[in-house]
Amino acid sequence: MLVEGLFRYAMRRVLIGLSREIEYELRNDLFAHLLRLPLSYYHRQRVGDVMNRAVSDLSAVRMVLAPASCTRPTRWPPSWPPAP
């Protein structure tokens, strides 16, 4: 029981760290893309909308990557599509 708990803790630390690293890389890629956009794009879009998309969408990606990867399937091997 103790070993399982320690293993699960270590696994979650690694997976959460990886999800944050992926989020960091995605943010850098998005920032580089935003720098390459023409000025006309920024004339058409409101700054708040651009910032909101950049922050909330990438945070949502991280939240999907970390917790989803920490759950274990109830059936091994998992079947797709799941049975009703």
Protein backbone atom coordinates (compact mmCIF):
# COMPACT_ATOMS: atom_id res chain seq x y z
CA MET A 1 0.00 0.00 0.00
CA LEU A 2 2.78 2.44 0.90
CA VAL A 3 4.79 1.58 -2.21
CA GLU A 4 1.71 2.07 -4.39
CA GLY A 5 1.09 5.48 -2.81
CA LEU A 6 4.69 6.55 -3.33
CA PHE A 7 4.62 5.36 -6.93
CA ARG A 8 1.37 7.20 -7.60
CA TYR A 9 2.79 10.39 -6.03
CA ALA A 10 5.95 10.17 -8.16
CA MET A 11 3.93 9.47 -11.29
CA ARG A 12 1.72 12.50 -10.72
CA ARG A 13 4.71 14.75 -10.07
CA VAL A 14 6.28 13.67 -13.35
CA LEU A 15 3.08 13.99 -15.36
CA ILE A 16 2.18 17.38 -13.93
CA GLY A 17 5.73 18.56 -14.61
CA LEU A 18 5.48 17.34 -18.19
CA SER A 19 2.14 19.05 -18.69
CA ARG A 20 3.62 22.33 -17.45
CA GLU A 21 6.58 21.89 -19.77
CA ILE A 22 4.25 21.29 -22.72
CA GLU A 23 2.24 24.37 -21.75
CA TYR A 24 5.47 26.41 -21.60
CA GLU A 25 6.47 25.27 -25.10
CA LEU A 26 2.98 25.98 -26.45
CA ARG A 27 3.04 29.47 -24.94
CA ASN A 28 6.41 30.19 -26.56
CA ASP A 29 5.14 28.92 -29.91
CA LEU A 30 1.99 31.02 -29.62
CA PHE A 31 3.98 34.13 -28.68
CA ALA A 32 6.29 33.63 -31.67
CA HIS A 33 3.22 33.23 -33.89
CA LEU A 34 1.62 36.39 -32.50
CA LEU A 35 4.81 38.31 -33.24
CA ARG A 36 4.69 37.18 -36.88
CA LEU A 37 1.09 38.29 -37.45
CA PRO A 38 0.59 41.45 -39.51
CA LEU A 39 -0.45 44.64 -37.75
CA SER A 40 -3.77 44.52 -39.57
CA TYR A 41 -4.70 41.48 -37.45
CA TYR A 42 -4.35 43.56 -34.29
CA HIS A 43 -6.44 46.32 -35.80
CA ARG A 44 -9.29 43.86 -36.34
CA GLN A 45 -9.00 42.01 -33.00
CA ARG A 46 -9.35 43.50 -29.56
CA VAL A 47 -6.27 43.09 -27.37
CA GLY A 48 -8.33 41.63 -24.54
CA ASP A 49 -9.73 38.92 -26.82
CA VAL A 50 -6.25 37.92 -27.99
CA MET A 51 -4.93 37.82 -24.41
CA ASN A 52 -7.95 35.89 -23.17
CA ARG A 53 -7.53 33.23 -25.82
CA ALA A 54 -3.81 32.94 -25.16
CA VAL A 55 -4.19 32.54 -21.40
CA SER A 56 -7.37 30.52 -21.00
CA ASP A 57 -6.92 28.12 -23.91
CA LEU A 58 -3.39 27.13 -22.98
CA SER A 59 -4.30 26.72 -19.32
CA ALA A 60 -7.16 24.48 -20.39
CA VAL A 61 -4.72 22.35 -22.39
CA ARG A 62 -2.53 21.92 -19.31
CA MET A 63 -5.51 21.02 -17.18
CA VAL A 64 -6.52 18.36 -19.68
CA LEU A 65 -3.03 16.91 -19.98
CA ALA A 66 -2.17 16.56 -16.29
CA PRO A 67 -5.31 15.17 -14.63
CA ALA A 68 -6.31 13.05 -17.60
CA SER A 69 -2.93 11.38 -17.64
CA CYS A 70 -3.09 10.68 -13.89
CA THR A 71 -6.25 8.62 -14.07
CA ARG A 72 -6.10 4.94 -14.62
CA PRO A 73 -8.45 3.11 -16.92
CA THR A 74 -11.03 0.93 -15.22
CA ARG A 75 -10.39 -1.80 -17.73
CA TRP A 76 -7.08 -3.00 -19.11
CA PRO A 77 -6.57 -2.97 -22.00
CA PRO A 78 -9.04 -0.14 -22.56
CA SER A 79 -11.52 -0.71 -25.33
CA TRP A 80 -12.50 1.93 -27.83
CA PRO A 81 -15.21 2.97 -28.20
CA PRO A 82 -16.21 2.51 -24.59
CA ALA A 83 -19.04 0.11 -23.95
CA PRO A 84 -22.39 1.81 -23.15
